[in-house]
Amino acid sequence: MPTSPEPPPHSNPRPPWVIVFIALGAMGSCAFVALPVAVYGLRSYLTRQRTAETQESVRALSAGVAACAARSRVSSGLPPTAEPVPRALASISGRKYQSGGLDWQDEAYQCARFKLAAVQSAQLQWVRLSEREGYVRAALDLDGDMSPEIVLEQSVSCSAEGRCTTGEVHEGH
């Protein structure tokens, strides 16, 4: 009876299931490294996006207050300090807030013709320092710990002649 030829020796002594296990383990370690990197990337993107949205709101409110004071030209100068919107930092801590028309009833917001229709990530407020000086402040609490990680401010200054200008948006305190 003819004998069958002997199978060639295996170059890899490991059984196939071991190779599959090693491959899955390698993919798992990649996922272990990739997941935190993806979470960090998403968090960074959201922080940049919310900060940019807030900067736009700060600029719009500052410009509105400056225009209000220039239109008014009253002896009281800039409008009085307004209540923050939302009133409690907890309302934007780790989440967004949908303001309503009643939130924007203070004299400063009315005179500036300012209100937000979209949801907001920051607490906004007009703060009057004197007849001719004030600033818009925005606080962002992105992680929900009741302490703002980012505070943006933009000044508004008016001359004795009633010309009002806004400064640059910068990180505040």
N, C-alpha and C. Protein backbone atom coordinates (compact mmCIF):
# COMPACT_ATOMS: atom_id res chain seq x y z
N MET A 1 0.81 -1.14 0.00
CA MET A 1 0.00 0.00 0.00
C MET A 1 0.88 1.24 0.00
N PRO A 2 0.50 2.19 -0.82
CA PRO A 2 1.34 3.37 -0.88
C PRO A 2 1.16 4.21 0.37
N THR A 3 2.19 4.77 0.78
CA THR A 3 2.12 5.63 1.97
C THR A 3 1.97 7.08 1.52
N SER A 4 1.24 7.83 2.31
CA SER A 4 1.07 9.24 1.97
C SER A 4 2.29 10.02 2.46
N PRO A 5 2.58 11.07 1.72
CA PRO A 5 3.76 11.83 2.13
C PRO A 5 3.52 12.49 3.49
N GLU A 6 4.56 12.65 4.21
CA GLU A 6 4.46 13.27 5.53
C GLU A 6 4.18 14.76 5.40
N PRO A 7 3.31 15.26 6.27
CA PRO A 7 3.03 16.70 6.20
C PRO A 7 4.28 17.50 6.53
N PRO A 8 4.38 18.69 5.93
CA PRO A 8 5.57 19.50 6.20
C PRO A 8 5.56 19.97 7.65
N PRO A 9 6.71 20.14 8.23
CA PRO A 9 6.75 20.59 9.62
C PRO A 9 6.17 22.01 9.72
N HIS A 10 5.49 22.27 10.83
CA HIS A 10 4.90 23.59 11.06
C HIS A 10 6.00 24.58 11.40
N SER A 11 5.90 25.71 10.74
CA SER A 11 6.88 26.75 11.05
C SER A 11 6.47 27.48 12.32
N ASN A 12 5.18 27.43 12.66
CA ASN A 12 4.69 28.08 13.86
C ASN A 12 4.11 27.00 14.77
N PRO A 13 4.74 26.73 15.89
CA PRO A 13 4.28 25.65 16.75
C PRO A 13 3.00 26.00 17.53
N ARG A 14 2.53 27.28 17.50
CA ARG A 14 1.34 27.67 18.24
C ARG A 14 0.08 27.26 17.49
N PRO A 15 -0.89 26.80 18.22
CA PRO A 15 -2.17 26.49 17.58
C PRO A 15 -2.86 27.78 17.13
N PRO A 16 -3.75 27.69 16.14
CA PRO A 16 -4.41 28.89 15.60
C PRO A 16 -5.17 29.69 16.64
N TRP A 17 -5.77 29.07 17.62
CA TRP A 17 -6.54 29.82 18.62
C TRP A 17 -5.65 30.74 19.44
N VAL A 18 -4.39 30.37 19.63
CA VAL A 18 -3.46 31.22 20.36
C VAL A 18 -3.16 32.48 19.53
N ILE A 19 -3.02 32.32 18.23
CA ILE A 19 -2.74 33.46 17.37
C ILE A 19 -3.94 34.43 17.39
N VAL A 20 -5.15 33.88 17.32
CA VAL A 20 -6.35 34.71 17.38
C VAL A 20 -6.41 35.45 18.72
N PHE A 21 -6.11 34.74 19.79
CA PHE A 21 -6.14 35.35 21.12
C PHE A 21 -5.13 36.51 21.22
N ILE A 22 -3.94 36.31 20.69
CA ILE A 22 -2.92 37.36 20.71
C ILE A 22 -3.38 38.56 19.88
N ALA A 23 -3.97 38.31 18.71
CA ALA A 23 -4.45 39.41 17.87
C ALA A 23 -5.55 40.20 18.58
N LEU A 24 -6.49 39.50 19.20
CA LEU A 24 -7.56 40.19 19.93
C LEU A 24 -7.00 40.98 21.10
N GLY A 25 -6.02 40.42 21.78
CA GLY A 25 -5.40 41.14 22.88
C GLY A 25 -4.71 42.41 22.41
N ALA A 26 -4.05 42.33 21.26
CA ALA A 26 -3.38 43.51 20.72
C ALA A 26 -4.42 44.58 20.34
N MET A 27 -5.52 44.15 19.76
CA MET A 27 -6.56 45.11 19.41
C MET A 27 -7.17 45.71 20.68
N GLY A 28 -7.31 44.90 21.69
CA GLY A 28 -7.86 45.40 22.95
C GLY A 28 -6.96 46.45 23.58
N SER A 29 -5.67 46.25 23.53
CA SER A 29 -4.78 47.25 24.11
C SER A 29 -4.80 48.53 23.29
N CYS A 30 -5.01 48.41 21.96
CA CYS A 30 -5.16 49.61 21.15
C CYS A 30 -6.42 50.36 21.56
N ALA A 31 -7.49 49.62 21.77
CA ALA A 31 -8.74 50.26 22.19
C ALA A 31 -8.56 50.89 23.57
N PHE A 32 -7.78 50.24 24.42
CA PHE A 32 -7.53 50.76 25.76
C PHE A 32 -6.81 52.10 25.69
N VAL A 33 -5.92 52.26 24.72
CA VAL A 33 -5.19 53.51 24.53
C VAL A 33 -6.04 54.50 23.73
N ALA A 34 -6.75 54.02 22.71
CA ALA A 34 -7.49 54.90 21.81
C ALA A 34 -8.70 55.54 22.48
N LEU A 35 -9.35 54.84 23.38
CA LEU A 35 -10.56 55.37 24.00
C LEU A 35 -10.29 56.65 24.80
N PRO A 36 -9.31 56.67 25.69
CA PRO A 36 -9.04 57.94 26.40
C PRO A 36 -8.63 59.06 25.45
N VAL A 37 -7.90 58.74 24.39
CA VAL A 37 -7.50 59.76 23.43
C VAL A 37 -8.73 60.31 22.73
N ALA A 38 -9.68 59.44 22.37
CA ALA A 38 -10.92 59.88 21.72
C ALA A 38 -11.76 60.74 22.67
N VAL A 39 -11.85 60.34 23.93
CA VAL A 39 -12.61 61.11 24.91
C VAL A 39 -11.97 62.49 25.10
N TYR A 40 -10.66 62.54 25.21
CA TYR A 40 -9.95 63.81 25.34
C TYR A 40 -10.20 64.69 24.13
N GLY A 41 -10.14 64.11 22.94
CA GLY A 41 -10.37 64.87 21.71
C GLY A 41 -11.78 65.44 21.66
N LEU A 42 -12.76 64.64 22.04
CA LEU A 42 -14.15 65.11 22.05
C LEU A 42 -14.34 66.21 23.08
N ARG A 43 -13.78 66.03 24.26
CA ARG A 43 -13.89 67.05 25.31
C ARG A 43 -13.23 68.36 24.87
N SER A 44 -12.07 68.28 24.24
CA SER A 44 -11.38 69.48 23.75
C SER A 44 -12.21 70.17 22.68
N TYR A 45 -12.79 69.40 21.77
CA TYR A 45 -13.62 69.97 20.72
C TYR A 45 -14.82 70.69 21.32
N LEU A 46 -15.51 70.06 22.26
CA LEU A 46 -16.68 70.68 22.88
C LEU A 46 -16.30 71.95 23.65
N THR A 47 -15.17 71.92 24.33
CA THR A 47 -14.71 73.11 25.06
C THR A 47 -14.45 74.26 24.09
N ARG A 48 -13.75 73.97 22.99
CA ARG A 48 -13.48 75.02 21.99
C ARG A 48 -14.78 75.55 21.38
N GLN A 49 -15.70 74.64 21.07
CA GLN A 49 -16.97 75.05 20.46
C GLN A 49 -17.78 75.92 21.41
N ARG A 50 -17.91 75.51 22.65
CA ARG A 50 -18.69 76.28 23.62
C ARG A 50 -18.03 77.61 23.95
N THR A 51 -16.70 77.63 23.99
CA THR A 51 -15.99 78.88 24.24
C THR A 51 -16.20 79.84 23.08
N ALA A 52 -16.13 79.34 21.85
CA ALA A 52 -16.33 80.19 20.67
C ALA A 52 -17.76 80.74 20.65
N GLU A 53 -18.75 79.92 20.95
CA GLU A 53 -20.14 80.38 21.01
C GLU A 53 -20.30 81.48 22.07
N THR A 54 -19.66 81.26 23.21
CA THR A 54 -19.75 82.23 24.29
C THR A 54 -19.06 83.54 23.93
N GLN A 55 -17.92 83.46 23.26
CA GLN A 55 -17.23 84.68 22.81
C GLN A 55 -18.13 85.49 21.89
N GLU A 56 -18.87 84.83 21.01
CA GLU A 56 -19.79 85.54 20.13
C GLU A 56 -20.87 86.26 20.94
N SER A 57 -21.40 85.59 21.95
CA SER A 57 -22.44 86.20 22.79
C SER A 57 -21.88 87.39 23.56
N VAL A 58 -20.67 87.25 24.09
CA VAL A 58 -20.03 88.34 24.83
C VAL A 58 -19.83 89.55 23.92
N ARG A 59 -19.34 89.31 22.71
CA ARG A 59 -19.13 90.41 21.75
C ARG A 59 -20.46 91.09 21.40
N ALA A 60 -21.49 90.30 21.18
CA ALA A 60 -22.80 90.87 20.80
C ALA A 60 -23.38 91.70 21.94
N LEU A 61 -23.29 91.21 23.17
CA LEU A 61 -23.82 91.95 24.30
C LEU A 61 -23.01 93.22 24.54
N SER A 62 -21.69 93.15 24.44
CA SER A 62 -20.83 94.33 24.62
C SER A 62 -21.14 95.38 23.57
N ALA A 63 -21.27 94.96 22.33
CA ALA A 63 -21.59 95.90 21.25
C ALA A 63 -22.97 96.52 21.48
N GLY A 64 -23.91 95.71 21.95
CA GLY A 64 -25.24 96.23 22.23
C GLY A 64 -25.25 97.25 23.35
N VAL A 65 -24.49 97.00 24.41
CA VAL A 65 -24.41 97.95 25.52
C VAL A 65 -23.74 99.24 25.06
N ALA A 66 -22.67 99.12 24.27
CA ALA A 66 -21.99 100.32 23.76
C ALA A 66 -22.94 101.13 22.87
N ALA A 67 -23.70 100.48 22.02
CA ALA A 67 -24.66 101.17 21.16
C ALA A 67 -25.77 101.80 22.00
N CYS A 68 -26.20 101.10 23.03
CA CYS A 68 -27.24 101.61 23.94
C CYS A 68 -26.78 102.92 24.57
N ALA A 69 -25.58 102.92 25.12
CA ALA A 69 -25.06 104.11 25.79
C ALA A 69 -24.87 105.26 24.80
N ALA A 70 -24.42 104.93 23.60
CA ALA A 70 -24.23 105.97 22.59
C ALA A 70 -25.58 106.56 22.16
N ARG A 71 -26.61 105.71 22.06
CA ARG A 71 -27.95 106.18 21.69
C ARG A 71 -28.56 107.03 22.79
N SER A 72 -28.36 106.59 24.02
CA SER A 72 -29.01 107.24 25.16
C SER A 72 -28.44 108.62 25.43
N ARG A 73 -27.13 108.69 25.51
CA ARG A 73 -26.44 109.94 25.85
C ARG A 73 -27.08 110.63 27.05
N VAL A 74 -27.47 109.81 28.00
CA VAL A 74 -28.07 110.36 29.21
C VAL A 74 -26.97 110.55 30.25
N SER A 75 -27.26 111.32 31.26
CA SER A 75 -26.25 111.62 32.27
C SER A 75 -25.83 110.38 33.06
N SER A 76 -26.68 109.36 33.07
CA SER A 76 -26.33 108.15 33.83
C SER A 76 -25.33 107.27 33.08
N GLY A 77 -25.05 107.57 31.82
CA GLY A 77 -24.05 106.82 31.07
C GLY A 77 -24.49 105.41 30.77
N LEU A 78 -23.63 104.47 31.10
CA LEU A 78 -23.91 103.06 30.83
C LEU A 78 -25.06 102.56 31.70
N PRO A 79 -25.78 101.54 31.22
CA PRO A 79 -26.90 101.01 32.01
C PRO A 79 -26.42 100.35 33.30
N PRO A 80 -27.31 100.21 34.27
CA PRO A 80 -26.92 99.59 35.54
C PRO A 80 -26.59 98.11 35.37
N THR A 81 -25.89 97.58 36.36
CA THR A 81 -25.56 96.15 36.37
C THR A 81 -26.83 95.34 36.27
N ALA A 82 -26.77 94.27 35.48
CA ALA A 82 -27.92 93.39 35.27
C ALA A 82 -27.73 92.08 36.02
N GLU A 83 -28.82 91.41 36.28
CA GLU A 83 -28.76 90.07 36.88
C GLU A 83 -28.12 89.13 35.85
N PRO A 84 -27.34 88.15 36.31
CA PRO A 84 -26.78 87.18 35.36
C PRO A 84 -27.88 86.31 34.76
N VAL A 85 -27.65 85.83 33.57
CA VAL A 85 -28.57 84.90 32.91
C VAL A 85 -27.79 83.67 32.51
N PRO A 86 -28.15 82.51 33.09
CA PRO A 86 -29.17 82.30 34.11
C PRO A 86 -28.70 82.83 35.46
N ARG A 87 -29.64 83.04 36.34
CA ARG A 87 -29.31 83.62 37.66
C ARG A 87 -28.40 82.72 38.48
N ALA A 88 -28.59 81.42 38.42
CA ALA A 88 -27.78 80.48 39.19
C ALA A 88 -26.78 79.77 38.29
N LEU A 89 -25.53 79.71 38.72
CA LEU A 89 -24.49 79.00 37.97
C LEU A 89 -24.87 77.53 37.79
N ALA A 90 -25.59 76.97 38.74
CA ALA A 90 -26.00 75.57 38.66
C ALA A 90 -26.80 75.27 37.39
N SER A 91 -27.45 76.27 36.84
CA SER A 91 -28.26 76.07 35.64
C SER A 91 -27.43 75.77 34.40
N ILE A 92 -26.15 76.12 34.41
CA ILE A 92 -25.28 75.83 33.26
C ILE A 92 -24.13 74.90 33.64
N SER A 93 -24.11 74.41 34.87
CA SER A 93 -23.02 73.55 35.32
C SER A 93 -23.10 72.19 34.65
N GLY A 94 -22.20 71.97 33.70
CA GLY A 94 -22.15 70.69 33.00
C GLY A 94 -23.29 70.49 32.02
N ARG A 95 -24.03 71.52 31.70
CA ARG A 95 -25.16 71.40 30.76
C ARG A 95 -25.42 72.75 30.12
N LYS A 96 -26.36 72.76 29.21
CA LYS A 96 -26.75 74.00 28.54
C LYS A 96 -28.06 74.50 29.14
N TYR A 97 -28.32 75.79 28.92
CA TYR A 97 -29.50 76.45 29.49
C TYR A 97 -30.29 77.11 28.37
N GLN A 98 -31.60 76.95 28.39
CA GLN A 98 -32.47 77.61 27.43
C GLN A 98 -33.14 78.78 28.12
N SER A 99 -32.69 79.98 27.79
CA SER A 99 -33.27 81.17 28.41
C SER A 99 -34.60 81.51 27.73
N GLY A 100 -35.37 82.30 28.44
CA GLY A 100 -36.64 82.78 27.90
C GLY A 100 -36.66 84.29 27.91
N GLY A 101 -37.71 84.87 27.39
CA GLY A 101 -37.82 86.33 27.32
C GLY A 101 -37.73 87.01 28.66
N LEU A 102 -38.23 86.38 29.71
CA LEU A 102 -38.20 87.00 31.04
C LEU A 102 -36.78 87.11 31.60
N ASP A 103 -35.88 86.26 31.13
CA ASP A 103 -34.49 86.31 31.60
C ASP A 103 -33.80 87.61 31.18
N TRP A 104 -34.24 88.21 30.09
CA TRP A 104 -33.56 89.36 29.49
C TRP A 104 -34.32 90.66 29.73
N GLN A 105 -35.01 90.79 30.85
CA GLN A 105 -35.84 91.97 31.13
C GLN A 105 -35.09 93.12 31.79
N ASP A 106 -33.89 92.88 32.32
CA ASP A 106 -33.14 93.97 32.96
C ASP A 106 -32.88 95.10 31.97
N GLU A 107 -32.77 96.31 32.50
CA GLU A 107 -32.59 97.51 31.67
C GLU A 107 -31.42 97.38 30.70
N ALA A 108 -30.31 96.83 31.14
CA ALA A 108 -29.12 96.73 30.28
C ALA A 108 -29.40 95.85 29.07
N TYR A 109 -30.04 94.71 29.27
CA TYR A 109 -30.34 93.81 28.15
C TYR A 109 -31.37 94.43 27.21
N GLN A 110 -32.36 95.08 27.78
CA GLN A 110 -33.38 95.73 26.96
C GLN A 110 -32.77 96.85 26.12
N CYS A 111 -31.98 97.70 26.75
CA CYS A 111 -31.36 98.81 26.04
C CYS A 111 -30.38 98.31 24.98
N ALA A 112 -29.68 97.21 25.27
CA ALA A 112 -28.74 96.63 24.32
C ALA A 112 -29.45 95.84 23.22
N ARG A 113 -30.76 95.66 23.40
CA ARG A 113 -31.56 94.86 22.45
C ARG A 113 -30.96 93.46 22.32
N PHE A 114 -30.68 92.89 23.47
CA PHE A 114 -29.98 91.60 23.51
C PHE A 114 -30.82 90.55 24.20
N LYS A 115 -30.91 89.41 23.57
CA LYS A 115 -31.42 88.18 24.18
C LYS A 115 -30.97 87.02 23.32
N LEU A 116 -30.83 85.89 23.94
CA LEU A 116 -30.41 84.70 23.21
C LEU A 116 -31.61 83.80 22.98
N ALA A 117 -31.78 83.39 21.75
CA ALA A 117 -32.85 82.44 21.43
C ALA A 117 -32.34 81.01 21.53
N ALA A 118 -31.05 80.82 21.27
CA ALA A 118 -30.44 79.49 21.30
C ALA A 118 -30.05 79.11 22.73
N VAL A 119 -29.84 77.82 22.95
CA VAL A 119 -29.36 77.39 24.26
C VAL A 119 -27.96 77.95 24.48
N GLN A 120 -27.63 78.16 25.74
CA GLN A 120 -26.33 78.75 26.06
C GLN A 120 -25.58 77.86 27.04
N SER A 121 -24.25 77.91 26.93
CA SER A 121 -23.37 77.12 27.80
C SER A 121 -22.82 77.95 28.94
N ALA A 122 -23.02 79.27 28.89
CA ALA A 122 -22.39 80.16 29.86
C ALA A 122 -23.42 81.03 30.56
N GLN A 123 -23.05 81.46 31.73
CA GLN A 123 -23.81 82.47 32.47
C GLN A 123 -23.30 83.83 32.01
N LEU A 124 -24.18 84.68 31.49
CA LEU A 124 -23.81 86.00 30.97
C LEU A 124 -24.29 87.10 31.90
N GLN A 125 -23.50 88.17 31.99
CA GLN A 125 -23.91 89.29 32.83
C GLN A 125 -23.23 90.58 32.37
N TRP A 126 -23.99 91.69 32.41
CA TRP A 126 -23.45 93.03 32.23
C TRP A 126 -23.15 93.57 33.61
N VAL A 127 -21.92 94.10 33.80
CA VAL A 127 -21.51 94.67 35.09
C VAL A 127 -21.05 96.12 34.85
N ARG A 128 -21.73 97.05 35.50
CA ARG A 128 -21.36 98.47 35.39
C ARG A 128 -20.39 98.81 36.52
N LEU A 129 -19.26 99.38 36.16
CA LEU A 129 -18.27 99.80 37.15
C LEU A 129 -18.43 101.28 37.49
N SER A 130 -18.79 102.08 36.50
CA SER A 130 -18.99 103.52 36.68
C SER A 130 -19.89 104.00 35.54
N GLU A 131 -20.12 105.30 35.50
CA GLU A 131 -20.93 105.87 34.41
C GLU A 131 -20.36 105.54 33.04
N ARG A 132 -19.03 105.43 32.97
CA ARG A 132 -18.37 105.27 31.67
C ARG A 132 -17.62 103.95 31.51
N GLU A 133 -17.64 103.10 32.49
CA GLU A 133 -16.89 101.85 32.41
C GLU A 133 -17.75 100.67 32.87
N GLY A 134 -17.57 99.57 32.19
CA GLY A 134 -18.24 98.34 32.58
C GLY A 134 -17.71 97.18 31.75
N TYR A 135 -18.26 96.01 31.96
CA TYR A 135 -17.82 94.86 31.18
C TYR A 135 -18.91 93.79 31.15
N VAL A 136 -18.82 92.96 30.13
CA VAL A 136 -19.66 91.78 30.02
C VAL A 136 -18.82 90.62 30.52
N ARG A 137 -19.44 89.78 31.33
CA ARG A 137 -18.76 88.62 31.91
C ARG A 137 -19.53 87.37 31.54
N ALA A 138 -18.80 86.32 31.17
CA ALA A 138 -19.40 85.02 30.88
C ALA A 138 -18.63 83.95 31.63
N ALA A 139 -19.34 83.09 32.33
CA ALA A 139 -18.72 82.01 33.09
C ALA A 139 -19.18 80.67 32.53
N LEU A 140 -18.22 79.80 32.23
CA LEU A 140 -18.52 78.46 31.73
C LEU A 140 -18.08 77.43 32.75
N ASP A 141 -18.99 76.59 33.17
CA ASP A 141 -18.69 75.46 34.06
C ASP A 141 -18.97 74.19 33.27
N LEU A 142 -17.97 73.74 32.54
CA LEU A 142 -18.16 72.62 31.61
C LEU A 142 -18.20 71.26 32.29
N ASP A 143 -17.54 71.12 33.43
CA ASP A 143 -17.49 69.81 34.08
C ASP A 143 -18.54 69.63 35.17
N GLY A 144 -19.35 70.65 35.42
CA GLY A 144 -20.45 70.52 36.37
C GLY A 144 -20.06 70.52 37.83
N ASP A 145 -18.89 71.06 38.16
CA ASP A 145 -18.44 71.05 39.57
C ASP A 145 -18.80 72.34 40.31
N MET A 146 -19.66 73.18 39.71
CA MET A 146 -20.12 74.43 40.30
C MET A 146 -19.02 75.49 40.43
N SER A 147 -17.96 75.31 39.66
CA SER A 147 -16.87 76.28 39.63
C SER A 147 -16.49 76.50 38.17
N PRO A 148 -16.57 77.75 37.67
CA PRO A 148 -16.28 77.97 36.25
C PRO A 148 -14.82 77.68 35.90
N GLU A 149 -14.64 76.93 34.81
CA GLU A 149 -13.29 76.67 34.30
C GLU A 149 -12.83 77.83 33.43
N ILE A 150 -13.78 78.47 32.75
CA ILE A 150 -13.46 79.54 31.83
C ILE A 150 -14.32 80.75 32.16
N VAL A 151 -13.70 81.91 32.29
CA VAL A 151 -14.41 83.18 32.48
C VAL A 151 -13.91 84.12 31.40
N LEU A 152 -14.83 84.62 30.60
CA LEU A 152 -14.50 85.56 29.54
C LEU A 152 -15.07 86.92 29.89
N GLU A 153 -14.31 87.97 29.57
CA GLU A 153 -14.77 89.34 29.84
C GLU A 153 -14.44 90.23 28.66
N GLN A 154 -15.30 91.23 28.45
CA GLN A 154 -15.04 92.24 27.44
C GLN A 154 -15.51 93.57 28.00
N SER A 155 -14.61 94.55 27.98
CA SER A 155 -14.91 95.86 28.55
C SER A 155 -15.67 96.74 27.58
N VAL A 156 -16.40 97.70 28.16
CA VAL A 156 -17.07 98.76 27.40
C VAL A 156 -16.67 100.06 28.08
N SER A 157 -16.16 101.00 27.29
CA SER A 157 -15.73 102.31 27.80
C SER A 157 -16.38 103.40 26.97
N CYS A 158 -16.84 104.45 27.66
CA CYS A 158 -17.47 105.58 26.97
C CYS A 158 -16.73 106.87 27.33
N SER A 159 -16.55 107.70 26.33
CA SER A 159 -15.91 109.00 26.56
C SER A 159 -16.96 109.99 27.06
N ALA A 160 -16.50 111.15 27.49
CA ALA A 160 -17.40 112.20 27.97
C ALA A 160 -18.33 112.67 26.85
N GLU A 161 -17.89 112.53 25.61
CA GLU A 161 -18.70 112.94 24.47
C GLU A 161 -19.74 111.89 24.09
N GLY A 162 -19.71 110.73 24.74
CA GLY A 162 -20.69 109.69 24.45
C GLY A 162 -20.26 108.66 23.42
N ARG A 163 -18.99 108.67 23.03
CA ARG A 163 -18.49 107.63 22.13
C ARG A 163 -18.09 106.42 22.97
N CYS A 164 -18.63 105.28 22.62
CA CYS A 164 -18.37 104.06 23.39
C CYS A 164 -17.64 103.05 22.53
N THR A 165 -16.67 102.37 23.14
CA THR A 165 -15.90 101.34 22.45
C THR A 165 -15.86 100.09 23.30
N THR A 166 -15.57 98.99 22.65
CA THR A 166 -15.42 97.72 23.36
C THR A 166 -13.97 97.27 23.26
N GLY A 167 -13.50 96.60 24.30
CA GLY A 167 -12.15 96.04 24.28
C GLY A 167 -12.16 94.66 23.65
N GLU A 168 -11.08 93.97 23.81
CA GLU A 168 -10.96 92.60 23.31
C GLU A 168 -11.56 91.64 24.32
N VAL A 169 -12.08 90.53 23.86
CA VAL A 169 -12.53 89.47 24.76
C VAL A 169 -11.29 88.81 25.33
N HIS A 170 -11.23 88.67 26.63
CA HIS A 170 -10.08 88.03 27.28
C HIS A 170 -10.54 87.16 28.44
N GLU A 171 -9.64 86.31 28.88
CA GLU A 171 -9.93 85.46 30.05
C GLU A 171 -9.95 86.35 31.28
N GLY A 172 -11.00 86.26 32.05
CA GLY A 172 -11.15 87.08 33.24
C GLY A 172 -10.81 86.30 34.50
N HIS A 173 -11.38 86.72 35.59
CA HIS A 173 -11.13 86.09 36.89
C HIS A 173 -12.41 85.67 37.55
